[in-house]
Amino acid sequence: MHHHIRITLTALTLTLLTAAFSHVEAQTGNSQCPMVEIHAERLPDMNMPRSGHAMFVCGDEVVVVGGHTTGFTLTKTAEVYSDGKWETLPTVYVHDNPVAIRLKSGKILVAGGHEKDLGIGQTFPAEIYDPLTHTFEGFGCLDKKRAIANAVELDNGEVVISGNWYAEDAIELFDGKKTFSFLKHVSQQRSAPYILQTAKDDAIIFSAQDTCGHVFSHVQSTRI
């Protein structure tokens, strides 16, 4: 079975973008390019300043998980924005720069991250956030402890995970239920990789930097 990645977006200040209904069409040669006017609305500040977190939109809610706060100290919390305000929720484990992905089921998988303050070390623990119940469930461990890694979900529900920070990289699979398992070694040690699905049971992995943040002179990709 062939298997290869996810981009995590983080921000200290969250803004909500809404598109206007009017469209302006620009003529380029024989093709038309629709343009949409964008308006930014400033939301209330989160309850805690944070960075290194994972952020997702679940229906009409915004979910922010983990990260670190002032002094580069870890936080064992998440926040959910709904009805004009932020609500703080407890997570089971700390997750600073974790693997995080919104699954096709609508739930969010969060795993790994830094073990200590100041971005030191990596961790194993994994948990699932259910937006219907607004709860986190801790259920297991990554095959390899990781931080600054990424993931992509394949058509069969398996999740491909790769990337690491100041530790060995490899590719592993989450079965979509409870189990993480080693899949294969990588051709190039990477941090913050992009993982893109290329077929229903395959993906490709690449990054611009190694696990210590050094920029590659040339980039090699890995297929799963």
C-alpha atoms as a PDB file:
ATOM      1  CA  MET A   1       0.000   0.000   0.000  1.00  0.00           C
ATOM      2  CA  HIS A   2       1.369   3.363  -0.973  1.00  0.00           C
ATOM      3  CA  HIS A   3       1.051   6.192   1.424  1.00  0.00           C
ATOM      4  CA  HIS A   4       3.049  10.518   1.612  1.00  0.00           C
ATOM      5  CA  ILE A   5       1.337  16.330   4.412  1.00  0.00           C
ATOM      6  CA  ARG A   6      -0.380  19.328   6.370  1.00  0.00           C
ATOM      7  CA  ILE A   7       0.147  23.029   6.841  1.00  0.00           C
ATOM      8  CA  THR A   8      -0.594  24.442  10.271  1.00  0.00           C
ATOM      9  CA  LEU A   9      -1.545  28.105  10.413  1.00  0.00           C
ATOM     10  CA  THR A  10      -1.043  29.976  13.677  1.00  0.00           C
ATOM     11  CA  ALA A  11      -1.717  33.571  14.728  1.00  0.00           C
ATOM     12  CA  LEU A  12      -1.590  35.612  17.943  1.00  0.00           C
ATOM     13  CA  THR A  13      -4.494  37.775  16.821  1.00  0.00           C
ATOM     14  CA  LEU A  14      -7.395  36.168  15.006  1.00  0.00           C
ATOM     15  CA  THR A  15      -9.444  38.068  12.411  1.00  0.00           C
ATOM     16  CA  LEU A  16     -12.624  36.979  10.717  1.00  0.00           C
ATOM     17  CA  LEU A  17     -12.765  37.606   6.967  1.00  0.00           C
ATOM     18  CA  THR A  18     -16.143  38.031   5.268  1.00  0.00           C
ATOM     19  CA  ALA A  19     -16.637  38.334   1.522  1.00  0.00           C
ATOM     20  CA  ALA A  20     -18.895  41.037   0.071  1.00  0.00           C
ATOM     21  CA  PHE A  21     -21.700  39.999  -2.266  1.00  0.00           C
ATOM     22  CA  SER A  22     -20.619  42.283  -5.088  1.00  0.00           C
ATOM     23  CA  HIS A  23     -18.142  40.906  -7.640  1.00  0.00           C
ATOM     24  CA  VAL A  24     -15.922  42.897  -9.949  1.00  0.00           C
ATOM     25  CA  GLU A  25     -14.913  41.161 -13.135  1.00  0.00           C
ATOM     26  CA  ALA A  26     -11.538  41.947 -14.677  1.00  0.00           C
ATOM     27  CA  GLN A  27     -10.903  41.245 -18.339  1.00  0.00           C
ATOM     28  CA  THR A  28      -7.611  39.537 -19.204  1.00  0.00           C
ATOM     29  CA  GLY A  29      -7.356  38.650 -22.857  1.00  0.00           C
ATOM     30  CA  ASN A  30     -10.339  36.455 -23.602  1.00  0.00           C
ATOM     31  CA  SER A  31     -10.773  35.228 -20.001  1.00  0.00           C
ATOM     32  CA  GLN A  32     -12.582  36.871 -17.116  1.00  0.00           C
ATOM     33  CA  CYS A  33     -11.156  36.896 -13.603  1.00  0.00           C
ATOM     34  CA  PRO A  34     -13.792  37.409 -10.849  1.00  0.00           C
ATOM     35  CA  MET A  35     -12.570  39.596  -7.990  1.00  0.00           C
ATOM     36  CA  VAL A  36     -14.081  39.541  -4.498  1.00  0.00           C
ATOM     37  CA  GLU A  37     -13.868  42.455  -2.081  1.00  0.00           C
ATOM     38  CA  ILE A  38     -12.719  41.322   1.373  1.00  0.00           C
ATOM     39  CA  HIS A  39     -13.598  43.031   4.650  1.00  0.00           C
ATOM     40  CA  ALA A  40     -11.787  42.257   7.931  1.00  0.00           C
ATOM     41  CA  GLU A  41     -13.565  42.264  11.278  1.00  0.00           C
ATOM     42  CA  ARG A  42     -11.497  42.293  14.465  1.00  0.00           C
ATOM     43  CA  LEU A  43     -12.638  39.670  16.942  1.00  0.00           C
ATOM     44  CA  PRO A  44     -12.284  39.903  20.725  1.00  0.00           C
ATOM     45  CA  ASP A  45      -8.873  38.878  22.058  1.00  0.00           C
ATOM     46  CA  MET A  46      -8.403  35.282  23.148  1.00  0.00           C
ATOM     47  CA  ASN A  47      -8.326  34.656  26.895  1.00  0.00           C
ATOM     48  CA  MET A  48      -4.625  33.803  26.693  1.00  0.00           C
ATOM     49  CA  PRO A  49      -1.916  35.126  24.363  1.00  0.00           C
ATOM     50  CA  ARG A  50      -0.442  32.112  22.573  1.00  0.00           C
ATOM     51  CA  SER A  51       1.731  30.946  19.716  1.00  0.00           C
ATOM     52  CA  GLY A  52       2.659  27.517  18.384  1.00  0.00           C
ATOM     53  CA  HIS A  53      -0.994  26.474  18.557  1.00  0.00           C
ATOM     54  CA  ALA A  54      -3.228  24.684  16.045  1.00  0.00           C
ATOM     55  CA  MET A  55      -6.286  26.484  14.678  1.00  0.00           C
ATOM     56  CA  PHE A  56      -9.362  25.128  12.891  1.00  0.00           C
ATOM     57  CA  VAL A  57     -12.858  26.165  11.827  1.00  0.00           C
ATOM     58  CA  CYS A  58     -15.542  23.684  12.906  1.00  0.00           C
ATOM     59  CA  GLY A  59     -18.909  24.762  11.559  1.00  0.00           C
ATOM     60  CA  ASP A  60     -19.520  28.252  12.941  1.00  0.00           C
ATOM     61  CA  GLU A  61     -16.837  27.927  15.631  1.00  0.00           C
ATOM     62  CA  VAL A  62     -13.115  28.630  15.649  1.00  0.00           C
ATOM     63  CA  VAL A  63     -11.027  26.173  17.695  1.00  0.00           C
ATOM     64  CA  VAL A  64      -7.506  27.011  18.923  1.00  0.00           C
ATOM     65  CA  VAL A  65      -5.564  24.193  20.623  1.00  0.00           C
ATOM     66  CA  GLY A  66      -2.401  24.262  22.718  1.00  0.00           C
ATOM     67  CA  GLY A  67       0.715  26.260  21.971  1.00  0.00           C
ATOM     68  CA  HIS A  68       2.754  28.300  24.413  1.00  0.00           C
ATOM     69  CA  THR A  69       2.085  31.597  26.128  1.00  0.00           C
ATOM     70  CA  THR A  70       4.095  34.431  27.708  1.00  0.00           C
ATOM     71  CA  GLY A  71       7.644  33.369  28.582  1.00  0.00           C
ATOM     72  CA  PHE A  72       7.444  30.488  26.067  1.00  0.00           C
ATOM     73  CA  THR A  73       5.672  28.409  28.742  1.00  0.00           C
ATOM     74  CA  LEU A  74       3.418  25.512  27.759  1.00  0.00           C
ATOM     75  CA  THR A  75      -0.350  25.685  28.135  1.00  0.00           C
ATOM     76  CA  LYS A  76      -2.725  22.793  28.745  1.00  0.00           C
ATOM     77  CA  THR A  77      -5.739  24.586  27.296  1.00  0.00           C
ATOM     78  CA  ALA A  78      -7.718  25.248  24.149  1.00  0.00           C
ATOM     79  CA  GLU A  79     -10.144  28.029  23.258  1.00  0.00           C
ATOM     80  CA  VAL A  80     -13.361  27.972  21.236  1.00  0.00           C
ATOM     81  CA  TYR A  81     -14.808  31.137  19.654  1.00  0.00           C
ATOM     82  CA  SER A  82     -18.594  31.121  19.343  1.00  0.00           C
ATOM     83  CA  ASP A  83     -21.407  33.665  19.724  1.00  0.00           C
ATOM     84  CA  GLY A  84     -18.973  36.574  19.990  1.00  0.00           C
ATOM     85  CA  LYS A  85     -16.814  35.235  22.838  1.00  0.00           C
ATOM     86  CA  TRP A  86     -13.946  32.864  23.623  1.00  0.00           C
ATOM     87  CA  GLU A  87     -14.423  29.906  25.974  1.00  0.00           C
ATOM     88  CA  THR A  88     -11.391  28.187  27.521  1.00  0.00           C
ATOM     89  CA  LEU A  89     -11.366  24.386  27.573  1.00  0.00           C
ATOM     90  CA  PRO A  90      -8.882  21.983  29.219  1.00  0.00           C
ATOM     91  CA  THR A  91      -6.889  19.630  27.033  1.00  0.00           C
ATOM     92  CA  VAL A  92      -5.683  16.259  28.313  1.00  0.00           C
ATOM     93  CA  TYR A  93      -2.033  16.926  27.416  1.00  0.00           C
ATOM     94  CA  VAL A  94       0.120  19.905  26.445  1.00  0.00           C
ATOM     95  CA  HIS A  95       0.616  20.402  22.692  1.00  0.00           C
ATOM     96  CA  ASP A  96       3.048  23.118  21.629  1.00  0.00           C
ATOM     97  CA  ASN A  97       3.718  22.987  17.854  1.00  0.00           C
ATOM     98  CA  PRO A  98       1.858  19.660  17.593  1.00  0.00           C
ATOM     99  CA  VAL A  99       0.689  17.433  14.781  1.00  0.00           C
ATOM    100  CA  ALA A 100      -2.904  18.581  14.300  1.00  0.00           C
ATOM    101  CA  ILE A 101      -5.476  17.809  11.628  1.00  0.00           C
ATOM    102  CA  ARG A 102      -9.234  18.150  11.209  1.00  0.00           C
ATOM    103  CA  LEU A 103     -10.466  14.724  10.191  1.00  0.00           C
ATOM    104  CA  LYS A 104     -13.230  14.013   7.687  1.00  0.00           C
ATOM    105  CA  SER A 105     -15.380  12.962  10.640  1.00  0.00           C
ATOM    106  CA  GLY A 106     -15.296  16.584  11.827  1.00  0.00           C
ATOM    107  CA  LYS A 107     -13.189  15.720  14.879  1.00  0.00           C
ATOM    108  CA  ILE A 108      -9.686  17.110  15.425  1.00  0.00           C
ATOM    109  CA  LEU A 109      -6.624  14.930  16.029  1.00  0.00           C
ATOM    110  CA  VAL A 110      -3.890  16.614  18.095  1.00  0.00           C
ATOM    111  CA  ALA A 111      -0.679  14.777  18.988  1.00  0.00           C
ATOM    112  CA  GLY A 112       2.866  15.426  20.122  1.00  0.00           C
ATOM    113  CA  GLY A 113       4.477  18.822  20.535  1.00  0.00           C
ATOM    114  CA  HIS A 114       7.283  20.133  22.724  1.00  0.00           C
ATOM    115  CA  GLU A 115       7.880  18.398  26.039  1.00  0.00           C
ATOM    116  CA  LYS A 116       9.151  21.424  27.975  1.00  0.00           C
ATOM    117  CA  ASP A 117       8.984  25.216  28.031  1.00  0.00           C
ATOM    118  CA  LEU A 118      11.143  27.145  25.545  1.00  0.00           C
ATOM    119  CA  GLY A 119      10.356  24.683  22.729  1.00  0.00           C
ATOM    120  CA  ILE A 120      12.503  21.879  24.155  1.00  0.00           C
ATOM    121  CA  GLY A 121      11.982  18.208  23.373  1.00  0.00           C
ATOM    122  CA  GLN A 122       9.110  16.261  21.845  1.00  0.00           C
ATOM    123  CA  THR A 123       6.168  14.200  23.160  1.00  0.00           C
ATOM    124  CA  PHE A 124       4.102  11.113  22.294  1.00  0.00           C
ATOM    125  CA  PRO A 125       0.526  11.719  23.622  1.00  0.00           C
ATOM    126  CA  ALA A 126      -2.456  12.017  21.294  1.00  0.00           C
ATOM    127  CA  GLU A 127      -6.025  13.161  21.829  1.00  0.00           C
ATOM    128  CA  ILE A 128      -9.198  13.848  19.891  1.00  0.00           C
ATOM    129  CA  TYR A 129     -11.385  16.955  20.116  1.00  0.00           C
ATOM    130  CA  ASP A 130     -15.100  16.447  19.454  1.00  0.00           C
ATOM    131  CA  PRO A 131     -16.744  19.745  18.421  1.00  0.00           C
ATOM    132  CA  LEU A 132     -20.212  18.331  19.187  1.00  0.00           C
ATOM    133  CA  THR A 133     -19.414  17.790  22.859  1.00  0.00           C
ATOM    134  CA  HIS A 134     -16.608  20.365  23.191  1.00  0.00           C
ATOM    135  CA  THR A 135     -14.444  17.770  24.910  1.00  0.00           C
ATOM    136  CA  PHE A 136     -10.957  16.293  24.494  1.00  0.00           C
ATOM    137  CA  GLU A 137     -10.273  12.562  24.855  1.00  0.00           C
ATOM    138  CA  GLY A 138      -6.751  11.273  25.383  1.00  0.00           C
ATOM    139  CA  PHE A 139      -6.371   7.859  23.799  1.00  0.00           C
ATOM    140  CA  GLY A 140      -2.817   6.913  22.883  1.00  0.00           C
ATOM    141  CA  CYS A 141       0.675   7.739  21.697  1.00  0.00           C
ATOM    142  CA  LEU A 142       2.434   8.477  18.452  1.00  0.00           C
ATOM    143  CA  ASP A 143       4.803   5.787  17.198  1.00  0.00           C
ATOM    144  CA  LYS A 144       7.599   8.389  17.445  1.00  0.00           C
ATOM    145  CA  LYS A 145       7.566  11.438  19.710  1.00  0.00           C
ATOM    146  CA  ARG A 146       7.415  14.551  17.540  1.00  0.00           C
ATOM    147  CA  ALA A 147       7.125  18.328  17.362  1.00  0.00           C
ATOM    148  CA  ILE A 148       6.667  20.619  14.339  1.00  0.00           C
ATOM    149  CA  ALA A 149       5.279  17.763  12.240  1.00  0.00           C
ATOM    150  CA  ASN A 150       2.327  17.583   9.854  1.00  0.00           C
ATOM    151  CA  ALA A 151      -0.295  15.154   8.585  1.00  0.00           C
ATOM    152  CA  VAL A 152      -2.812  14.393   5.854  1.00  0.00           C
ATOM    153  CA  GLU A 153      -5.830  12.070   5.854  1.00  0.00           C
ATOM    154  CA  LEU A 154      -6.179   9.577   3.009  1.00  0.00           C
ATOM    155  CA  ASP A 155      -9.432   8.387   1.457  1.00  0.00           C
ATOM    156  CA  ASN A 156      -9.435   5.225   3.577  1.00  0.00           C
ATOM    157  CA  GLY A 157      -9.342   7.246   6.814  1.00  0.00           C
ATOM    158  CA  GLU A 158      -5.671   6.588   7.565  1.00  0.00           C
ATOM    159  CA  VAL A 159      -3.598   9.630   8.511  1.00  0.00           C
ATOM    160  CA  VAL A 160      -0.014  10.027   7.250  1.00  0.00           C
ATOM    161  CA  ILE A 161       2.281  11.785   9.738  1.00  0.00           C
ATOM    162  CA  SER A 162       5.852  12.993   9.242  1.00  0.00           C
ATOM    163  CA  GLY A 163       8.312  15.645  10.386  1.00  0.00           C
ATOM    164  CA  ASN A 164      10.176  16.343  13.631  1.00  0.00           C
ATOM    165  CA  TRP A 165      12.280  18.939  15.460  1.00  0.00           C
ATOM    166  CA  TYR A 166      15.770  18.139  16.791  1.00  0.00           C
ATOM    167  CA  ALA A 167      14.936  14.428  16.640  1.00  0.00           C
ATOM    168  CA  GLU A 168      14.791  11.681  14.041  1.00  0.00           C
ATOM    169  CA  ASP A 169      12.055  11.906  11.414  1.00  0.00           C
ATOM    170  CA  ALA A 170      10.117   8.987   9.883  1.00  0.00           C
ATOM    171  CA  ILE A 171       6.680   8.323   8.396  1.00  0.00           C
ATOM    172  CA  GLU A 172       3.930   6.785  10.487  1.00  0.00           C
ATOM    173  CA  LEU A 173       0.242   6.015  10.053  1.00  0.00           C
ATOM    174  CA  PHE A 174      -2.719   6.653  12.336  1.00  0.00           C
ATOM    175  CA  ASP A 175      -5.440   4.105  11.572  1.00  0.00           C
ATOM    176  CA  GLY A 176      -8.202   6.659  12.164  1.00  0.00           C
ATOM    177  CA  LYS A 177      -9.234   4.954  15.401  1.00  0.00           C
ATOM    178  CA  LYS A 178      -6.691   4.371  18.163  1.00  0.00           C
ATOM    179  CA  THR A 179      -3.397   3.109  16.733  1.00  0.00           C
ATOM    180  CA  PHE A 180      -0.231   4.746  15.385  1.00  0.00           C
ATOM    181  CA  SER A 181       2.342   2.577  13.594  1.00  0.00           C
ATOM    182  CA  PHE A 182       5.676   3.002  11.823  1.00  0.00           C
ATOM    183  CA  LEU A 183       5.429   3.008   8.012  1.00  0.00           C
ATOM    184  CA  LYS A 184       8.876   3.789   6.594  1.00  0.00           C
ATOM    185  CA  HIS A 185      12.041   5.847   6.884  1.00  0.00           C
ATOM    186  CA  VAL A 186      12.367   9.125   4.995  1.00  0.00           C
ATOM    187  CA  SER A 187      14.883  10.048   2.298  1.00  0.00           C
ATOM    188  CA  GLN A 188      15.470  13.434   3.946  1.00  0.00           C
ATOM    189  CA  GLN A 189      15.046  14.459   7.605  1.00  0.00           C
ATOM    190  CA  ARG A 190      12.442  17.261   7.683  1.00  0.00           C
ATOM    191  CA  SER A 191      10.670  19.704   9.985  1.00  0.00           C
ATOM    192  CA  ALA A 192       7.347  21.422   9.235  1.00  0.00           C
ATOM    193  CA  PRO A 193       6.861  19.370   6.062  1.00  0.00           C
ATOM    194  CA  TYR A 194       4.091  19.736   3.535  1.00  0.00           C
ATOM    195  CA  ILE A 195       2.166  16.490   3.059  1.00  0.00           C
ATOM    196  CA  LEU A 196      -0.050  16.420  -0.006  1.00  0.00           C
ATOM    197  CA  GLN A 197      -2.356  13.598  -1.026  1.00  0.00           C
ATOM    198  CA  THR A 198      -1.550  12.504  -4.592  1.00  0.00           C
ATOM    199  CA  ALA A 199      -3.926   9.520  -4.893  1.00  0.00           C
ATOM    200  CA  LYS A 200      -6.581   7.899  -2.737  1.00  0.00           C
ATOM    201  CA  ASP A 201      -3.901   5.838  -0.952  1.00  0.00           C
ATOM    202  CA  ASP A 202      -0.732   7.849  -1.591  1.00  0.00           C
ATOM    203  CA  ALA A 203       0.885  11.164  -0.664  1.00  0.00           C
ATOM    204  CA  ILE A 204       4.094  13.114  -1.165  1.00  0.00           C
ATOM    205  CA  ILE A 205       6.209  14.774   1.549  1.00  0.00           C
ATOM    206  CA  PHE A 206       8.630  17.680   1.147  1.00  0.00           C
ATOM    207  CA  SER A 207      10.035  20.595   3.144  1.00  0.00           C
ATOM    208  CA  ALA A 208      12.523  23.439   2.819  1.00  0.00           C
ATOM    209  CA  GLN A 209      14.371  22.693   6.075  1.00  0.00           C
ATOM    210  CA  ASP A 210      15.791  19.814   8.071  1.00  0.00           C
ATOM    211  CA  THR A 211      14.924  18.840  11.641  1.00  0.00           C
ATOM    212  CA  CYS A 212      17.317  21.490  13.005  1.00  0.00           C
ATOM    213  CA  GLY A 213      15.905  24.285  10.850  1.00  0.00           C
ATOM    214  CA  HIS A 214      18.743  24.353   8.313  1.00  0.00           C
ATOM    215  CA  VAL A 215      17.589  25.239   4.803  1.00  0.00           C
ATOM    216  CA  PHE A 216      18.154  22.523   2.194  1.00  0.00           C
ATOM    217  CA  SER A 217      20.393  23.313  -0.769  1.00  0.00           C
ATOM    218  CA  HIS A 218      18.011  21.171  -2.796  1.00  0.00           C
ATOM    219  CA  VAL A 219      14.729  19.552  -1.781  1.00  0.00           C
ATOM    220  CA  GLN A 220      13.986  15.862  -2.137  1.00  0.00           C
ATOM    221  CA  SER A 221      10.437  14.556  -1.863  1.00  0.00           C
ATOM    222  CA  THR A 222       9.353  11.263  -0.336  1.00  0.00           C
ATOM    223  CA  ARG A 223       6.389   9.187  -1.441  1.00  0.00           C
ATOM    224  CA  ILE A 224       4.713   6.856   1.001  1.00  0.00           C
END
